[in-house]
Structures are given as structure tokens and as C-alpha cells.
Amino acid sequence: MFERWLAALREVAKAREEEARRLMEELCGRALVVALFGSRARGDYTPLSDWDLLAVVESGGYKVEHRVVGQVVWLPLDKLDEVLEWSMVVLDAVADAKPVCGDRGKLEEVRKKVEEYVRRRGLVRTKHGWFPA
């Protein structure tokens, strides 16, 4: 019984990984840079963990899109300062970000702006979120 359960788990994990690869390929064709964040970027994931992806684009709307294998955070560069004022998801995404494809320099620009915002606001990341120090 246990062997069948493990085999099913491996099969589901493999299918999710294939779907995540397809999603990353799609995003890499649409974004300036795509980065993995969350447990898979930090290395504390399980076989069934979701795939959290940050897609940095030049312009457009900020949104969090829920896909079959996880979430995609669409971050327009032209709205970064505005988004930082109300989205803690962006702080987590950028703090964990591991580039998958695209212009790593753009990701570093975003990272510097986010780090400056965190410093200015005196924020500290905890396992429960971002809080004033």
C-alpha cells in the first residue's frame, strides 16, 4: 500500500514539475525577467509544493495570477514604487528571487529598490511577514 502511495506521489510531483516548466517557458517569452520565489527558491519545499514565480515586465498592471501549479506575480517596473506601498508579496518575492530567465540586471534593479524601501521603512522579515524593527 505504502509503495503505491509513493508511486502516485512521484507521478503527481513529476506532472506538476512538467507543468511548471511549461509555465516558465511561457513567462520567459513575455517578461523581462522571471524569478522563482517561495519555498522552491529557498530550498525548503516538498515534492507537492507550489511554484511561485515573479514576472517583471516593463509596464502594465500589477496582479497575482493563480495557476494550476502556483502563483505568478506580475510586477510592472513603471509601478514598482506604488506597488511597494501596499503589496508585501513583492517584498517576499524579491527577497527570495532566484532568476529563471531574462535580464538579471533588471532583477537586481528591482532588488535594490526593494532593499532601499525596506531600509527606509525599517522593516524586518520574520516567518510571519514583514514588520517594523
C-alpha atoms as a PDB file:
ATOM      1  CA  MET A   1       0.000   0.000   0.000  1.00  0.00           C
ATOM      2  CA  PHE A   2       2.745   2.428   1.001  1.00  0.00           C
ATOM      3  CA  GLU A   3       4.659   1.741  -2.243  1.00  0.00           C
ATOM      4  CA  ARG A   4       1.573   2.543  -4.321  1.00  0.00           C
ATOM      5  CA  TRP A   5       1.099   5.798  -2.423  1.00  0.00           C
ATOM      6  CA  LEU A   6       4.750   6.771  -3.019  1.00  0.00           C
ATOM      7  CA  ALA A   7       4.470   5.904  -6.710  1.00  0.00           C
ATOM      8  CA  ALA A   8       1.353   8.075  -7.018  1.00  0.00           C
ATOM      9  CA  LEU A   9       3.100  10.921  -5.190  1.00  0.00           C
ATOM     10  CA  ARG A  10       6.080  10.713  -7.557  1.00  0.00           C
ATOM     11  CA  GLU A  11       3.755  10.710 -10.564  1.00  0.00           C
ATOM     12  CA  VAL A  12       1.860  13.782  -9.350  1.00  0.00           C
ATOM     13  CA  ALA A  13       5.108  15.597  -8.488  1.00  0.00           C
ATOM     14  CA  LYS A  14       6.528  14.832 -11.950  1.00  0.00           C
ATOM     15  CA  ALA A  15       3.373  16.079 -13.702  1.00  0.00           C
ATOM     16  CA  ARG A  16       3.417  19.296 -11.632  1.00  0.00           C
ATOM     17  CA  GLU A  17       7.092  19.842 -12.457  1.00  0.00           C
ATOM     18  CA  GLU A  18       6.386  19.443 -16.184  1.00  0.00           C
ATOM     19  CA  GLU A  19       3.507  21.924 -15.939  1.00  0.00           C
ATOM     20  CA  ALA A  20       5.755  24.352 -14.043  1.00  0.00           C
ATOM     21  CA  ARG A  21       8.375  24.093 -16.809  1.00  0.00           C
ATOM     22  CA  ARG A  22       5.738  24.883 -19.435  1.00  0.00           C
ATOM     23  CA  LEU A  23       4.564  27.865 -17.399  1.00  0.00           C
ATOM     24  CA  MET A  24       8.130  29.162 -17.021  1.00  0.00           C
ATOM     25  CA  GLU A  25       8.710  28.855 -20.772  1.00  0.00           C
ATOM     26  CA  GLU A  26       5.525  30.840 -21.404  1.00  0.00           C
ATOM     27  CA  LEU A  27       6.518  33.550 -18.921  1.00  0.00           C
ATOM     28  CA  CYS A  28      10.075  33.751 -20.256  1.00  0.00           C
ATOM     29  CA  GLY A  29       8.602  34.729 -23.615  1.00  0.00           C
ATOM     30  CA  ARG A  30       6.531  37.532 -22.083  1.00  0.00           C
ATOM     31  CA  ALA A  31       8.571  39.071 -19.244  1.00  0.00           C
ATOM     32  CA  LEU A  32      11.860  40.965 -18.935  1.00  0.00           C
ATOM     33  CA  VAL A  33      12.949  38.568 -16.212  1.00  0.00           C
ATOM     34  CA  VAL A  34      11.305  35.638 -14.442  1.00  0.00           C
ATOM     35  CA  ALA A  35      12.354  34.515 -10.975  1.00  0.00           C
ATOM     36  CA  LEU A  36      11.378  31.683  -8.689  1.00  0.00           C
ATOM     37  CA  PHE A  37      10.490  32.626  -5.110  1.00  0.00           C
ATOM     38  CA  GLY A  38       8.990  30.985  -2.054  1.00  0.00           C
ATOM     39  CA  SER A  39       9.862  27.558  -0.725  1.00  0.00           C
ATOM     40  CA  ARG A  40      11.293  26.290  -4.010  1.00  0.00           C
ATOM     41  CA  ALA A  41      13.701  29.231  -4.204  1.00  0.00           C
ATOM     42  CA  ARG A  42      14.645  28.957  -0.518  1.00  0.00           C
ATOM     43  CA  GLY A  43      15.134  25.187  -0.745  1.00  0.00           C
ATOM     44  CA  ASP A  44      12.612  24.240   1.959  1.00  0.00           C
ATOM     45  CA  TYR A  45       9.991  22.782  -0.395  1.00  0.00           C
ATOM     46  CA  THR A  46       8.311  19.378  -0.536  1.00  0.00           C
ATOM     47  CA  PRO A  47       7.510  17.401  -3.707  1.00  0.00           C
ATOM     48  CA  LEU A  48       3.990  18.875  -3.706  1.00  0.00           C
ATOM     49  CA  SER A  49       4.970  22.494  -3.000  1.00  0.00           C
ATOM     50  CA  ASP A  50       3.653  25.070  -5.410  1.00  0.00           C
ATOM     51  CA  TRP A  51       5.774  27.094  -7.820  1.00  0.00           C
ATOM     52  CA  ASP A  52       5.789  30.810  -7.048  1.00  0.00           C
ATOM     53  CA  LEU A  53       7.040  32.948  -9.930  1.00  0.00           C
ATOM     54  CA  LEU A  54       7.804  36.643 -10.237  1.00  0.00           C
ATOM     55  CA  ALA A  55       7.421  38.047 -13.765  1.00  0.00           C
ATOM     56  CA  VAL A  56       8.926  41.519 -14.116  1.00  0.00           C
ATOM     57  CA  VAL A  57       7.508  43.480 -17.047  1.00  0.00           C
ATOM     58  CA  GLU A  58       8.159  46.992 -18.330  1.00  0.00           C
ATOM     59  CA  SER A  59       4.609  48.257 -17.806  1.00  0.00           C
ATOM     60  CA  GLY A  60       1.041  47.144 -17.264  1.00  0.00           C
ATOM     61  CA  GLY A  61      -0.905  46.203 -14.190  1.00  0.00           C
ATOM     62  CA  TYR A  62       0.320  44.552 -11.019  1.00  0.00           C
ATOM     63  CA  LYS A  63      -1.526  41.305 -10.420  1.00  0.00           C
ATOM     64  CA  VAL A  64      -1.229  37.958  -8.726  1.00  0.00           C
ATOM     65  CA  GLU A  65      -2.392  35.231 -11.064  1.00  0.00           C
ATOM     66  CA  HIS A  66      -3.246  31.797  -9.693  1.00  0.00           C
ATOM     67  CA  ARG A  67      -2.234  28.928 -11.955  1.00  0.00           C
ATOM     68  CA  VAL A  68      -2.539  25.163 -11.570  1.00  0.00           C
ATOM     69  CA  VAL A  69       0.987  24.785 -10.158  1.00  0.00           C
ATOM     70  CA  GLY A  70       1.251  28.021  -8.192  1.00  0.00           C
ATOM     71  CA  GLN A  71       1.072  31.774  -8.454  1.00  0.00           C
ATOM     72  CA  VAL A  72       2.544  34.297 -10.854  1.00  0.00           C
ATOM     73  CA  VAL A  73       3.190  37.784  -9.528  1.00  0.00           C
ATOM     74  CA  TRP A  74       3.241  40.270 -12.416  1.00  0.00           C
ATOM     75  CA  LEU A  75       5.342  43.275 -11.412  1.00  0.00           C
ATOM     76  CA  PRO A  76       5.476  46.254 -13.802  1.00  0.00           C
ATOM     77  CA  LEU A  77       8.665  48.302 -13.395  1.00  0.00           C
ATOM     78  CA  ASP A  78       6.811  51.560 -14.002  1.00  0.00           C
ATOM     79  CA  LYS A  79       4.601  50.896 -10.952  1.00  0.00           C
ATOM     80  CA  LEU A  80       7.166  49.419  -8.559  1.00  0.00           C
ATOM     81  CA  ASP A  81       7.214  52.366  -6.132  1.00  0.00           C
ATOM     82  CA  GLU A  82       3.410  52.384  -5.954  1.00  0.00           C
ATOM     83  CA  VAL A  83       3.142  48.609  -5.514  1.00  0.00           C
ATOM     84  CA  LEU A  84       5.692  48.603  -2.695  1.00  0.00           C
ATOM     85  CA  GLU A  85       3.357  50.775  -0.626  1.00  0.00           C
ATOM     86  CA  TRP A  86       0.672  48.085  -0.393  1.00  0.00           C
ATOM     87  CA  SER A  87       1.967  44.669  -1.508  1.00  0.00           C
ATOM     88  CA  MET A  88       4.008  42.617   0.935  1.00  0.00           C
ATOM     89  CA  VAL A  89       4.009  39.768  -1.603  1.00  0.00           C
ATOM     90  CA  VAL A  90       6.504  41.758  -3.672  1.00  0.00           C
ATOM     91  CA  LEU A  91       8.837  42.043  -0.678  1.00  0.00           C
ATOM     92  CA  ASP A  92       8.808  38.257  -0.226  1.00  0.00           C
ATOM     93  CA  ALA A  93       9.144  37.588  -3.948  1.00  0.00           C
ATOM     94  CA  VAL A  94      12.162  39.843  -4.361  1.00  0.00           C
ATOM     95  CA  ALA A  95      13.817  38.707  -1.121  1.00  0.00           C
ATOM     96  CA  ASP A  96      13.683  35.053  -2.261  1.00  0.00           C
ATOM     97  CA  ALA A  97      14.097  35.630  -6.016  1.00  0.00           C
ATOM     98  CA  LYS A  98      16.228  33.171  -7.971  1.00  0.00           C
ATOM     99  CA  PRO A  99      16.306  34.132 -11.669  1.00  0.00           C
ATOM    100  CA  VAL A 100      14.982  31.557 -14.125  1.00  0.00           C
ATOM    101  CA  CYS A 101      15.438  33.522 -17.352  1.00  0.00           C
ATOM    102  CA  GLY A 102      15.738  37.013 -18.744  1.00  0.00           C
ATOM    103  CA  ASP A 103      17.661  40.122 -17.787  1.00  0.00           C
ATOM    104  CA  ARG A 104      19.222  39.516 -14.372  1.00  0.00           C
ATOM    105  CA  GLY A 105      20.245  43.174 -14.311  1.00  0.00           C
ATOM    106  CA  LYS A 106      16.555  44.170 -14.225  1.00  0.00           C
ATOM    107  CA  LEU A 107      16.014  41.862 -11.262  1.00  0.00           C
ATOM    108  CA  GLU A 108      18.971  43.474  -9.485  1.00  0.00           C
ATOM    109  CA  GLU A 109      17.481  46.934 -10.142  1.00  0.00           C
ATOM    110  CA  VAL A 110      14.229  45.779  -8.559  1.00  0.00           C
ATOM    111  CA  ARG A 111      16.108  44.157  -5.672  1.00  0.00           C
ATOM    112  CA  LYS A 112      17.990  47.403  -4.927  1.00  0.00           C
ATOM    113  CA  LYS A 113      14.765  49.445  -4.921  1.00  0.00           C
ATOM    114  CA  VAL A 114      13.070  46.928  -2.637  1.00  0.00           C
ATOM    115  CA  GLU A 115      16.058  46.824  -0.273  1.00  0.00           C
ATOM    116  CA  GLU A 116      16.023  50.631  -0.124  1.00  0.00           C
ATOM    117  CA  TYR A 117      12.274  50.609   0.611  1.00  0.00           C
ATOM    118  CA  VAL A 118      12.759  48.035   3.398  1.00  0.00           C
ATOM    119  CA  ARG A 119      15.621  50.075   4.871  1.00  0.00           C
ATOM    120  CA  ARG A 120      13.674  53.361   4.712  1.00  0.00           C
ATOM    121  CA  ARG A 121      10.640  51.803   6.378  1.00  0.00           C
ATOM    122  CA  GLY A 122      12.743  49.969   8.956  1.00  0.00           C
ATOM    123  CA  LEU A 123      11.161  46.626   8.079  1.00  0.00           C
ATOM    124  CA  VAL A 124      12.362  43.210   9.182  1.00  0.00           C
ATOM    125  CA  ARG A 125      11.270  39.908   7.672  1.00  0.00           C
ATOM    126  CA  THR A 126      10.004  37.245  10.049  1.00  0.00           C
ATOM    127  CA  LYS A 127       8.352  33.896   9.382  1.00  0.00           C
ATOM    128  CA  HIS A 128       5.028  35.712   9.864  1.00  0.00           C
ATOM    129  CA  GLY A 129       5.697  38.579   7.448  1.00  0.00           C
ATOM    130  CA  TRP A 130       7.361  41.998   7.324  1.00  0.00           C
ATOM    131  CA  PHE A 131       7.232  44.172  10.434  1.00  0.00           C
ATOM    132  CA  PRO A 132       8.828  47.400  11.690  1.00  0.00           C
ATOM    133  CA  ALA A 133      12.047  46.681  13.578  1.00  0.00           C
END
